[in-house]
Amino acid sequence: MDKRHFLIAAMCLMTLAACTQKTELPENPKDQEEYRDSQGNSWIYNAMLMRWALMPSVANGLTGTHYYYPQSGSWTDANGTRVNQPSSVKMAPSSSAKSKSSGNVFGTTRRSSGVHA
């Protein structure tokens, strides 16, 4: 595989990764940033408290506001009681929560000293 094919493959993978992140909460939100997910929920970030406030849509069956703390991955209800992630809210793991490997992304290649056809 020459450099041009490698670069094209890398660009395709980056584009695919960018497309899959559209259903995730932004990783570096600004204070009072609003976000609407694919379930119709409205999220508002509070930078001082470092949490997302989930204003649920009527369709998903949640009542009341829930708070998500991305640093710890924990949830609380409107009373501040720690709760499990609501089952009707689907969140993709953020890239910081994904396991990271120290290996090469594309693996290793063997280069032969022979002539390539």
Protein backbone atom coordinates (compact mmCIF):
# COMPACT_ATOMS: atom_id res chain seq x y z
CA MET A 1 0.00 0.00 0.00
CA ASP A 2 1.60 3.28 -1.01
CA LYS A 3 1.43 6.53 0.97
CA ARG A 4 -1.46 7.91 -1.08
CA HIS A 5 -3.69 4.90 -0.36
CA PHE A 6 -2.70 5.05 3.31
CA LEU A 7 -3.66 8.74 3.53
CA ILE A 8 -6.99 8.12 1.79
CA ALA A 9 -7.77 5.27 4.20
CA ALA A 10 -6.82 7.44 7.19
CA MET A 11 -9.04 10.30 5.97
CA CYS A 12 -11.96 7.90 5.49
CA LEU A 13 -11.55 6.60 9.05
CA MET A 14 -11.41 10.13 10.48
CA THR A 15 -14.55 11.08 8.56
CA LEU A 16 -16.33 7.98 9.85
CA ALA A 17 -15.26 8.77 13.41
CA ALA A 18 -16.59 12.33 13.08
CA CYS A 19 -19.95 11.04 11.87
CA THR A 20 -20.36 8.62 14.77
CA GLN A 21 -19.75 11.31 17.38
CA LYS A 22 -22.86 13.29 16.48
CA THR A 23 -24.96 11.43 19.06
CA GLU A 24 -22.55 12.11 21.93
CA LEU A 25 -22.50 15.05 24.27
CA PRO A 26 -19.73 17.49 23.32
CA GLU A 27 -16.54 16.70 25.26
CA ASN A 28 -15.41 20.30 25.80
CA PRO A 29 -18.64 22.26 26.27
CA LYS A 30 -18.86 25.96 26.97
CA ASP A 31 -20.91 27.36 29.85
CA GLN A 32 -24.66 27.33 29.10
CA GLU A 33 -24.10 25.42 25.85
CA GLU A 34 -27.31 23.71 24.72
CA TYR A 35 -27.43 20.37 22.95
CA ARG A 36 -30.33 18.30 21.61
CA ASP A 37 -29.82 14.55 21.26
CA SER A 38 -31.39 12.07 18.86
CA GLN A 39 -34.14 11.19 21.39
CA GLY A 40 -35.29 14.82 21.53
CA ASN A 41 -33.82 15.48 24.97
CA SER A 42 -32.44 18.93 25.64
CA TRP A 43 -29.11 19.20 27.51
CA ILE A 44 -27.65 22.36 29.06
CA TYR A 45 -24.08 22.50 30.42
CA ASN A 46 -23.23 24.31 33.66
CA ALA A 47 -19.49 24.96 33.70
CA MET A 48 -19.37 25.98 37.36
CA LEU A 49 -20.93 22.70 38.49
CA MET A 50 -19.28 20.73 35.65
CA ARG A 51 -22.50 18.90 34.80
CA TRP A 52 -25.04 18.50 32.03
CA ALA A 53 -28.68 19.10 32.93
CA LEU A 54 -31.02 16.75 31.06
CA MET A 55 -34.40 18.23 30.25
CA PRO A 56 -36.19 15.10 29.04
CA SER A 57 -38.59 14.99 26.15
CA VAL A 58 -42.11 13.80 26.89
CA ALA A 59 -41.58 10.84 24.55
CA ASN A 60 -38.90 9.08 26.61
CA GLY A 61 -40.93 8.80 29.83
CA LEU A 62 -38.54 10.59 32.20
CA THR A 63 -40.01 12.96 34.74
CA GLY A 64 -37.95 15.75 36.23
CA THR A 65 -34.44 16.91 35.50
CA HIS A 66 -31.44 14.61 35.75
CA TYR A 67 -27.81 15.71 35.93
CA TYR A 68 -24.87 13.98 34.29
CA TYR A 69 -21.31 14.57 35.52
CA PRO A 70 -18.92 13.67 32.67
CA GLN A 71 -15.78 13.69 34.85
CA SER A 72 -17.09 10.87 37.04
CA GLY A 73 -19.69 9.39 34.70
CA SER A 74 -22.29 9.65 37.48
CA TRP A 75 -25.95 10.73 37.48
CA THR A 76 -28.11 12.51 40.05
CA ASP A 77 -31.77 13.39 40.09
CA ALA A 78 -33.18 16.87 40.74
CA ASN A 79 -32.83 16.32 44.51
CA GLY A 80 -29.12 15.55 44.22
CA THR A 81 -29.60 11.85 44.97
CA ARG A 82 -27.21 9.61 43.04
CA VAL A 83 -29.14 7.47 40.54
CA ASN A 84 -28.37 5.03 37.74
CA GLN A 85 -28.36 6.26 34.15
CA PRO A 86 -31.99 6.46 33.00
CA SER A 87 -32.74 3.45 30.79
CA SER A 88 -34.48 5.63 28.22
CA VAL A 89 -31.35 7.76 27.69
CA LYS A 90 -28.81 6.28 25.32
CA MET A 91 -25.31 7.70 25.47
CA ALA A 92 -22.29 6.63 23.50
CA PRO A 93 -19.13 6.52 25.58
CA SER A 94 -16.89 9.52 25.15
CA SER A 95 -13.46 9.04 23.65
CA SER A 96 -11.87 9.73 27.04
CA ALA A 97 -13.82 6.82 28.54
CA LYS A 98 -12.89 4.38 25.79
CA SER A 99 -9.95 2.11 26.47
CA LYS A 100 -6.81 3.27 24.77
CA SER A 101 -4.32 0.90 23.28
CA SER A 102 -0.65 1.60 23.03
CA GLY A 103 -0.31 -0.37 19.80
CA ASN A 104 -0.29 0.86 16.25
CA VAL A 105 -3.63 1.84 14.76
CA PHE A 106 -3.08 -0.03 11.51
CA GLY A 107 -0.80 -2.74 12.88
CA THR A 108 2.68 -3.38 11.63
CA THR A 109 3.78 -4.18 8.13
CA ARG A 110 6.63 -6.33 6.94
CA ARG A 111 8.79 -4.87 4.27
CA SER A 112 10.57 -7.27 2.03
CA SER A 113 13.72 -6.41 0.21
CA GLY A 114 12.42 -8.09 -2.95
CA VAL A 115 11.06 -6.37 -6.02
CA HIS A 116 7.30 -5.60 -5.93
CA ALA A 117 5.26 -6.28 -9.03
